[in-house]
Amino acid sequence: MKFAQAFVIASMSLGVMAGCRHAPEVCKSDVGPISRGLTNGWVCDLPEDLPCQTTCEITGERQRSEPGTVGMETMKCCKPQPGC
């Protein structure tokens, strides 16, 4: 259990959680989050997944883009952070 916790903390310190991937297109035209400084777009497997230890806002959901994969993924706009 401690190994898993250490892995999660190490992943977060590196800037990326396992369930999220960078998606710049997510925040390009979403004026609300951009006006609050949330300009980095991410797509996450679960709403609880965090791409970084920074402020994020869920902006919506979309169908998964991988062929043969069923379900939704969560779109988020986050504050920029070095190394994230």
PDB file of N, CA and C in Angstrom:
ATOM      1  N   MET A   1       0.825  -1.192   0.000  1.00  0.00           N
ATOM      2  CA  MET A   1       0.000   0.000   0.000  1.00  0.00           C
ATOM      3  C   MET A   1       0.868   1.254   0.000  1.00  0.00           C
ATOM      4  N   LYS A   2       1.914   1.264   0.825  1.00  0.00           N
ATOM      5  CA  LYS A   2       2.776   2.445   0.881  1.00  0.00           C
ATOM      6  C   LYS A   2       3.473   2.680  -0.458  1.00  0.00           C
ATOM      7  N   PHE A   3       3.819   1.583  -1.163  1.00  0.00           N
ATOM      8  CA  PHE A   3       4.444   1.730  -2.469  1.00  0.00           C
ATOM      9  C   PHE A   3       3.500   2.433  -3.439  1.00  0.00           C
ATOM     10  N   ALA A   4       2.232   2.037  -3.435  1.00  0.00           N
ATOM     11  CA  ALA A   4       1.247   2.656  -4.323  1.00  0.00           C
ATOM     12  C   ALA A   4       1.077   4.132  -3.999  1.00  0.00           C
ATOM     13  N   GLN A   5       1.036   4.480  -2.718  1.00  0.00           N
ATOM     14  CA  GLN A   5       0.911   5.883  -2.323  1.00  0.00           C
ATOM     15  C   GLN A   5       2.136   6.671  -2.764  1.00  0.00           C
ATOM     16  N   ALA A   6       3.310   6.083  -2.615  1.00  0.00           N
ATOM     17  CA  ALA A   6       4.540   6.757  -3.033  1.00  0.00           C
ATOM     18  C   ALA A   6       4.538   6.976  -4.540  1.00  0.00           C
ATOM     19  N   PHE A   7       4.038   5.995  -5.294  1.00  0.00           N
ATOM     20  CA  PHE A   7       3.975   6.126  -6.748  1.00  0.00           C
ATOM     21  C   PHE A   7       3.059   7.270  -7.155  1.00  0.00           C
ATOM     22  N   VAL A   8       1.900   7.371  -6.510  1.00  0.00           N
ATOM     23  CA  VAL A   8       0.952   8.444  -6.817  1.00  0.00           C
ATOM     24  C   VAL A   8       1.573   9.791  -6.506  1.00  0.00           C
ATOM     25  N   ILE A   9       2.213   9.925  -5.359  1.00  0.00           N
ATOM     26  CA  ILE A   9       2.853  11.191  -4.981  1.00  0.00           C
ATOM     27  C   ILE A   9       3.964  11.530  -5.959  1.00  0.00           C
ATOM     28  N   ALA A  10       4.767  10.540  -6.344  1.00  0.00           N
ATOM     29  CA  ALA A  10       5.839  10.782  -7.311  1.00  0.00           C
ATOM     30  C   ALA A  10       5.263  11.204  -8.653  1.00  0.00           C
ATOM     31  N   SER A  11       4.184  10.566  -9.083  1.00  0.00           N
ATOM     32  CA  SER A  11       3.554  10.933 -10.353  1.00  0.00           C
ATOM     33  C   SER A  11       3.045  12.359 -10.313  1.00  0.00           C
ATOM     34  N   MET A  12       2.427  12.743  -9.196  1.00  0.00           N
ATOM     35  CA  MET A  12       1.897  14.097  -9.073  1.00  0.00           C
ATOM     36  C   MET A  12       3.025  15.111  -9.058  1.00  0.00           C
ATOM     37  N   SER A  13       4.144  14.779  -8.423  1.00  0.00           N
ATOM     38  CA  SER A  13       5.247  15.727  -8.379  1.00  0.00           C
ATOM     39  C   SER A  13       5.874  15.880  -9.756  1.00  0.00           C
ATOM     40  N   LEU A  14       5.780  14.859 -10.586  1.00  0.00           N
ATOM     41  CA  LEU A  14       6.265  14.968 -11.954  1.00  0.00           C
ATOM     42  C   LEU A  14       5.302  15.741 -12.833  1.00  0.00           C
ATOM     43  N   GLY A  15       4.087  15.934 -12.355  1.00  0.00           N
ATOM     44  CA  GLY A  15       3.159  16.775 -13.085  1.00  0.00           C
ATOM     45  C   GLY A  15       2.025  16.062 -13.784  1.00  0.00           C
ATOM     46  N   VAL A  16       2.040  14.752 -13.856  1.00  0.00           N
ATOM     47  CA  VAL A  16       0.985  14.075 -14.598  1.00  0.00           C
ATOM     48  C   VAL A  16       0.464  12.896 -13.791  1.00  0.00           C
ATOM     49  N   MET A  17      -0.843  12.832 -13.638  1.00  0.00           N
ATOM     50  CA  MET A  17      -1.485  11.687 -13.007  1.00  0.00           C
ATOM     51  C   MET A  17      -1.704  10.648 -14.092  1.00  0.00           C
ATOM     52  N   ALA A  18      -1.710   9.387 -13.727  1.00  0.00           N
ATOM     53  CA  ALA A  18      -1.827   8.291 -14.687  1.00  0.00           C
ATOM     54  C   ALA A  18      -3.087   8.386 -15.542  1.00  0.00           C
ATOM     55  N   GLY A  19      -4.202   8.904 -14.996  1.00  0.00           N
ATOM     56  CA  GLY A  19      -5.460   8.917 -15.719  1.00  0.00           C
ATOM     57  C   GLY A  19      -5.700  10.138 -16.577  1.00  0.00           C
ATOM     58  N   CYS A  20      -4.727  11.018 -16.750  1.00  0.00           N
ATOM     59  CA  CYS A  20      -4.929  12.259 -17.514  1.00  0.00           C
ATOM     60  C   CYS A  20      -3.882  12.403 -18.610  1.00  0.00           C
ATOM     61  N   ARG A  21      -4.288  13.076 -19.679  1.00  0.00           N
ATOM     62  CA  ARG A  21      -3.327  13.404 -20.743  1.00  0.00           C
ATOM     63  C   ARG A  21      -3.578  14.840 -21.205  1.00  0.00           C
ATOM     64  N   HIS A  22      -2.509  15.488 -21.607  1.00  0.00           N
ATOM     65  CA  HIS A  22      -2.583  16.883 -22.030  1.00  0.00           C
ATOM     66  C   HIS A  22      -3.417  16.984 -23.303  1.00  0.00           C
ATOM     67  N   ALA A  23      -4.332  17.944 -23.340  1.00  0.00           N
ATOM     68  CA  ALA A  23      -5.210  18.153 -24.497  1.00  0.00           C
ATOM     69  C   ALA A  23      -5.419  19.654 -24.675  1.00  0.00           C
ATOM     70  N   PRO A  24      -4.483  20.336 -25.344  1.00  0.00           N
ATOM     71  CA  PRO A  24      -4.538  21.793 -25.459  1.00  0.00           C
ATOM     72  C   PRO A  24      -5.836  22.325 -26.059  1.00  0.00           C
ATOM     73  N   GLU A  25      -6.493  21.540 -26.911  1.00  0.00           N
ATOM     74  CA  GLU A  25      -7.713  22.003 -27.579  1.00  0.00           C
ATOM     75  C   GLU A  25      -8.885  22.198 -26.626  1.00  0.00           C
ATOM     76  N   VAL A  26      -8.839  21.592 -25.451  1.00  0.00           N
ATOM     77  CA  VAL A  26      -9.967  21.638 -24.512  1.00  0.00           C
ATOM     78  C   VAL A  26     -10.273  23.058 -24.049  1.00  0.00           C
ATOM     79  N   CYS A  27      -9.267  23.876 -23.810  1.00  0.00           N
ATOM     80  CA  CYS A  27      -9.497  25.210 -23.225  1.00  0.00           C
ATOM     81  C   CYS A  27      -9.346  26.356 -24.218  1.00  0.00           C
ATOM     82  N   LYS A  28      -9.106  26.075 -25.471  1.00  0.00           N
ATOM     83  CA  LYS A  28      -8.834  27.154 -26.432  1.00  0.00           C
ATOM     84  C   LYS A  28      -9.964  28.155 -26.583  1.00  0.00           C
ATOM     85  N   SER A  29     -11.221  27.709 -26.510  1.00  0.00           N
ATOM     86  CA  SER A  29     -12.327  28.640 -26.745  1.00  0.00           C
ATOM     87  C   SER A  29     -13.288  28.745 -25.563  1.00  0.00           C
ATOM     88  N   ASP A  30     -12.907  28.214 -24.415  1.00  0.00           N
ATOM     89  CA  ASP A  30     -13.771  28.244 -23.230  1.00  0.00           C
ATOM     90  C   ASP A  30     -13.445  29.500 -22.416  1.00  0.00           C
ATOM     91  N   VAL A  31     -14.182  30.575 -22.666  1.00  0.00           N
ATOM     92  CA  VAL A  31     -13.866  31.899 -22.126  1.00  0.00           C
ATOM     93  C   VAL A  31     -13.887  31.947 -20.600  1.00  0.00           C
ATOM     94  N   GLY A  32     -14.851  31.274 -19.961  1.00  0.00           N
ATOM     95  CA  GLY A  32     -14.967  31.313 -18.499  1.00  0.00           C
ATOM     96  C   GLY A  32     -13.700  30.870 -17.790  1.00  0.00           C
ATOM     97  N   PRO A  33     -13.237  29.626 -18.021  1.00  0.00           N
ATOM     98  CA  PRO A  33     -12.010  29.181 -17.366  1.00  0.00           C
ATOM     99  C   PRO A  33     -10.786  30.012 -17.758  1.00  0.00           C
ATOM    100  N   ILE A  34     -10.697  30.404 -19.030  1.00  0.00           N
ATOM    101  CA  ILE A  34      -9.554  31.208 -19.477  1.00  0.00           C
ATOM    102  C   ILE A  34      -9.491  32.514 -18.698  1.00  0.00           C
ATOM    103  N   SER A  35     -10.644  33.141 -18.458  1.00  0.00           N
ATOM    104  CA  SER A  35     -10.663  34.414 -17.722  1.00  0.00           C
ATOM    105  C   SER A  35     -10.223  34.240 -16.270  1.00  0.00           C
ATOM    106  N   ARG A  36     -10.286  33.005 -15.756  1.00  0.00           N
ATOM    107  CA  ARG A  36      -9.831  32.720 -14.390  1.00  0.00           C
ATOM    108  C   ARG A  36      -8.412  32.160 -14.369  1.00  0.00           C
ATOM    109  N   GLY A  37      -7.727  32.191 -15.505  1.00  0.00           N
ATOM    110  CA  GLY A  37      -6.344  31.727 -15.570  1.00  0.00           C
ATOM    111  C   GLY A  37      -6.191  30.228 -15.750  1.00  0.00           C
ATOM    112  N   LEU A  38      -7.282  29.535 -16.059  1.00  0.00           N
ATOM    113  CA  LEU A  38      -7.243  28.085 -16.256  1.00  0.00           C
ATOM    114  C   LEU A  38      -7.095  27.817 -17.753  1.00  0.00           C
ATOM    115  N   THR A  39      -5.860  27.786 -18.232  1.00  0.00           N
ATOM    116  CA  THR A  39      -5.609  27.767 -19.669  1.00  0.00           C
ATOM    117  C   THR A  39      -5.014  26.462 -20.196  1.00  0.00           C
ATOM    118  N   ASN A  40      -4.615  25.536 -19.326  1.00  0.00           N
ATOM    119  CA  ASN A  40      -4.059  24.259 -19.767  1.00  0.00           C
ATOM    120  C   ASN A  40      -5.157  23.212 -19.829  1.00  0.00           C
ATOM    121  N   GLY A  41      -5.369  22.626 -21.004  1.00  0.00           N
ATOM    122  CA  GLY A  41      -6.417  21.631 -21.183  1.00  0.00           C
ATOM    123  C   GLY A  41      -5.934  20.215 -20.924  1.00  0.00           C
ATOM    124  N   TRP A  42      -6.785  19.425 -20.282  1.00  0.00           N
ATOM    125  CA  TRP A  42      -6.500  18.029 -19.963  1.00  0.00           C
ATOM    126  C   TRP A  42      -7.746  17.193 -20.196  1.00  0.00           C
ATOM    127  N   VAL A  43      -7.550  15.922 -20.505  1.00  0.00           N
ATOM    128  CA  VAL A  43      -8.628  14.943 -20.584  1.00  0.00           C
ATOM    129  C   VAL A  43      -8.257  13.826 -19.616  1.00  0.00           C
ATOM    130  N   CYS A  44      -9.192  13.501 -18.706  1.00  0.00           N
ATOM    131  CA  CYS A  44      -8.926  12.516 -17.655  1.00  0.00           C
ATOM    132  C   CYS A  44      -9.923  11.371 -17.727  1.00  0.00           C
ATOM    133  N   ASP A  45      -9.473  10.185 -17.320  1.00  0.00           N
ATOM    134  CA  ASP A  45     -10.335   9.004 -17.308  1.00  0.00           C
ATOM    135  C   ASP A  45     -11.485   9.164 -16.327  1.00  0.00           C
ATOM    136  N   LEU A  46     -11.213   9.727 -15.164  1.00  0.00           N
ATOM    137  CA  LEU A  46     -12.223   9.898 -14.113  1.00  0.00           C
ATOM    138  C   LEU A  46     -12.282  11.352 -13.675  1.00  0.00           C
ATOM    139  N   PRO A  47     -13.438  11.831 -13.239  1.00  0.00           N
ATOM    140  CA  PRO A  47     -13.529  13.213 -12.746  1.00  0.00           C
ATOM    141  C   PRO A  47     -12.594  13.483 -11.569  1.00  0.00           C
ATOM    142  N   GLU A  48     -12.295  12.437 -10.761  1.00  0.00           N
ATOM    143  CA  GLU A  48     -11.426  12.616  -9.591  1.00  0.00           C
ATOM    144  C   GLU A  48      -9.953  12.721  -9.948  1.00  0.00           C
ATOM    145  N   ASP A  49      -9.558  12.262 -11.131  1.00  0.00           N
ATOM    146  CA  ASP A  49      -8.148  12.305 -11.524  1.00  0.00           C
ATOM    147  C   ASP A  49      -7.693  13.750 -11.666  1.00  0.00           C
ATOM    148  N   LEU A  50      -6.501  14.028 -11.161  1.00  0.00           N
ATOM    149  CA  LEU A  50      -5.917  15.363 -11.277  1.00  0.00           C
ATOM    150  C   LEU A  50      -4.654  15.284 -12.110  1.00  0.00           C
ATOM    151  N   PRO A  51      -4.519  16.129 -13.120  1.00  0.00           N
ATOM    152  CA  PRO A  51      -3.311  16.103 -13.932  1.00  0.00           C
ATOM    153  C   PRO A  51      -2.099  16.637 -13.186  1.00  0.00           C
ATOM    154  N   CYS A  52      -2.297  17.556 -12.261  1.00  0.00           N
ATOM    155  CA  CYS A  52      -1.213  18.184 -11.512  1.00  0.00           C
ATOM    156  C   CYS A  52      -1.762  18.631 -10.165  1.00  0.00           C
ATOM    157  N   GLN A  53      -0.871  19.036  -9.298  1.00  0.00           N
ATOM    158  CA  GLN A  53      -1.326  19.633  -8.047  1.00  0.00           C
ATOM    159  C   GLN A  53      -1.528  21.123  -8.291  1.00  0.00           C
ATOM    160  N   THR A  54      -2.608  21.433  -8.952  1.00  0.00           N
ATOM    161  CA  THR A  54      -2.943  22.808  -9.290  1.00  0.00           C
ATOM    162  C   THR A  54      -4.463  22.932  -9.344  1.00  0.00           C
ATOM    163  N   THR A  55      -4.952  24.132  -9.530  1.00  0.00           N
ATOM    164  CA  THR A  55      -6.392  24.366  -9.603  1.00  0.00           C
ATOM    165  C   THR A  55      -6.918  23.927 -10.963  1.00  0.00           C
ATOM    166  N   CYS A  56      -7.972  23.112 -10.954  1.00  0.00           N
ATOM    167  CA  CYS A  56      -8.601  22.642 -12.190  1.00  0.00           C
ATOM    168  C   CYS A  56     -10.109  22.821 -12.098  1.00  0.00           C
ATOM    169  N   GLU A  57     -10.734  22.939 -13.258  1.00  0.00           N
ATOM    170  CA  GLU A  57     -12.187  23.043 -13.345  1.00  0.00           C
ATOM    171  C   GLU A  57     -12.664  22.091 -14.436  1.00  0.00           C
ATOM    172  N   ILE A  58     -13.665  21.284 -14.117  1.00  0.00           N
ATOM    173  CA  ILE A  58     -14.242  20.385 -15.118  1.00  0.00           C
ATOM    174  C   ILE A  58     -15.081  21.222 -16.080  1.00  0.00           C
ATOM    175  N   THR A  59     -14.812  21.062 -17.376  1.00  0.00           N
ATOM    176  CA  THR A  59     -15.539  21.840 -18.380  1.00  0.00           C
ATOM    177  C   THR A  59     -16.518  20.991 -19.179  1.00  0.00           C
ATOM    178  N   GLY A  60     -16.488  19.677 -19.002  1.00  0.00           N
ATOM    179  CA  GLY A  60     -17.428  18.816 -19.706  1.00  0.00           C
ATOM    180  C   GLY A  60     -16.930  17.393 -19.811  1.00  0.00           C
ATOM    181  N   GLU A  61     -17.683  16.597 -20.552  1.00  0.00           N
ATOM    182  CA  GLU A  61     -17.323  15.209 -20.827  1.00  0.00           C
ATOM    183  C   GLU A  61     -17.478  14.959 -22.315  1.00  0.00           C
ATOM    184  N   ARG A  62     -16.767  13.955 -22.805  1.00  0.00           N
ATOM    185  CA  ARG A  62     -16.902  13.555 -24.201  1.00  0.00           C
ATOM    186  C   ARG A  62     -16.683  12.051 -24.311  1.00  0.00           C
ATOM    187  N   GLN A  63     -17.144  11.487 -25.435  1.00  0.00           N
ATOM    188  CA  GLN A  63     -16.921  10.067 -25.699  1.00  0.00           C
ATOM    189  C   GLN A  63     -15.429   9.812 -25.800  1.00  0.00           C
ATOM    190  N   ARG A  64     -14.995   8.683 -25.332  1.00  0.00           N
ATOM    191  CA  ARG A  64     -13.586   8.302 -25.477  1.00  0.00           C
ATOM    192  C   ARG A  64     -13.244   8.207 -26.960  1.00  0.00           C
ATOM    193  N   SER A  65     -12.050   8.636 -27.301  1.00  0.00           N
ATOM    194  CA  SER A  65     -11.643   8.683 -28.705  1.00  0.00           C
ATOM    195  C   SER A  65     -10.927   7.420 -29.171  1.00  0.00           C
ATOM    196  N   GLU A  66     -10.550   6.534 -28.230  1.00  0.00           N
ATOM    197  CA  GLU A  66      -9.837   5.322 -28.619  1.00  0.00           C
ATOM    198  C   GLU A  66     -10.814   4.331 -29.250  1.00  0.00           C
ATOM    199  N   PRO A  67     -10.452   3.740 -30.387  1.00  0.00           N
ATOM    200  CA  PRO A  67     -11.335   2.757 -31.030  1.00  0.00           C
ATOM    201  C   PRO A  67     -11.586   1.562 -30.104  1.00  0.00           C
ATOM    202  N   GLY A  68     -12.831   1.126 -30.033  1.00  0.00           N
ATOM    203  CA  GLY A  68     -13.180  -0.029 -29.223  1.00  0.00           C
ATOM    204  C   GLY A  68     -13.328   0.249 -27.742  1.00  0.00           C
ATOM    205  N   THR A  69     -13.154   1.497 -27.321  1.00  0.00           N
ATOM    206  CA  THR A  69     -13.279   1.853 -25.909  1.00  0.00           C
ATOM    207  C   THR A  69     -14.608   2.555 -25.693  1.00  0.00           C
ATOM    208  N   VAL A  70     -15.365   2.070 -24.731  1.00  0.00           N
ATOM    209  CA  VAL A  70     -16.680   2.621 -24.435  1.00  0.00           C
ATOM    210  C   VAL A  70     -16.584   3.467 -23.174  1.00  0.00           C
ATOM    211  N   GLY A  71     -17.335   4.545 -23.134  1.00  0.00           N
ATOM    212  CA  GLY A  71     -17.382   5.372 -21.937  1.00  0.00           C
ATOM    213  C   GLY A  71     -17.048   6.817 -22.225  1.00  0.00           C
ATOM    214  N   MET A  72     -17.035   7.576 -21.165  1.00  0.00           N
ATOM    215  CA  MET A  72     -16.790   9.012 -21.263  1.00  0.00           C
ATOM    216  C   MET A  72     -15.448   9.352 -20.620  1.00  0.00           C
ATOM    217  N   GLU A  73     -14.888  10.483 -21.029  1.00  0.00           N
ATOM    218  CA  GLU A  73     -13.708  11.033 -20.378  1.00  0.00           C
ATOM    219  C   GLU A  73     -14.018  12.471 -19.994  1.00  0.00           C
ATOM    220  N   THR A  74     -13.373  12.940 -18.941  1.00  0.00           N
ATOM    221  CA  THR A  74     -13.653  14.252 -18.373  1.00  0.00           C
ATOM    222  C   THR A  74     -12.659  15.278 -18.899  1.00  0.00           C
ATOM    223  N   MET A  75     -13.175  16.410 -19.373  1.00  0.00           N
ATOM    224  CA  MET A  75     -12.324  17.497 -19.859  1.00  0.00           C
ATOM    225  C   MET A  75     -12.142  18.513 -18.736  1.00  0.00           C
ATOM    226  N   LYS A  76     -10.903  18.988 -18.578  1.00  0.00           N
ATOM    227  CA  LYS A  76     -10.596  19.947 -17.515  1.00  0.00           C
ATOM    228  C   LYS A  76      -9.704  21.052 -18.044  1.00  0.00           C
ATOM    229  N   CYS A  77      -9.904  22.250 -17.501  1.00  0.00           N
ATOM    230  CA  CYS A  77      -8.990  23.358 -17.724  1.00  0.00           C
ATOM    231  C   CYS A  77      -8.294  23.612 -16.387  1.00  0.00           C
ATOM    232  N   CYS A  78      -6.971  23.741 -16.425  1.00  0.00           N
ATOM    233  CA  CYS A  78      -6.185  23.883 -15.199  1.00  0.00           C
ATOM    234  C   CYS A  78      -5.248  25.077 -15.289  1.00  0.00           C
ATOM    235  N   LYS A  79      -4.845  25.574 -14.110  1.00  0.00           N
ATOM    236  CA  LYS A  79      -3.849  26.644 -14.062  1.00  0.00           C
ATOM    237  C   LYS A  79      -2.515  26.091 -14.526  1.00  0.00           C
ATOM    238  N   PRO A  80      -1.785  26.853 -15.324  1.00  0.00           N
ATOM    239  CA  PRO A  80      -0.457  26.401 -15.744  1.00  0.00           C
ATOM    240  C   PRO A  80       0.452  26.232 -14.531  1.00  0.00           C
ATOM    241  N   GLN A  81       1.310  25.238 -14.593  1.00  0.00           N
ATOM    242  CA  GLN A  81       2.270  24.979 -13.532  1.00  0.00           C
ATOM    243  C   GLN A  81       3.539  24.450 -14.183  1.00  0.00           C
ATOM    244  N   PRO A  82       4.708  24.945 -13.788  1.00  0.00           N
ATOM    245  CA  PRO A  82       5.955  24.435 -14.367  1.00  0.00           C
ATOM    246  C   PRO A  82       6.058  22.923 -14.194  1.00  0.00           C
ATOM    247  N   GLY A  83       6.469  22.238 -15.236  1.00  0.00           N
ATOM    248  CA  GLY A  83       6.638  20.795 -15.191  1.00  0.00           C
ATOM    249  C   GLY A  83       5.346  20.016 -15.296  1.00  0.00           C
ATOM    250  N   CYS A  84       4.276  20.704 -15.671  1.00  0.00           N
ATOM    251  CA  CYS A  84       2.987  20.024 -15.736  1.00  0.00           C
ATOM    252  C   CYS A  84       2.495  20.002 -17.167  1.00  0.00           C
TER     253      CYS A  84
END
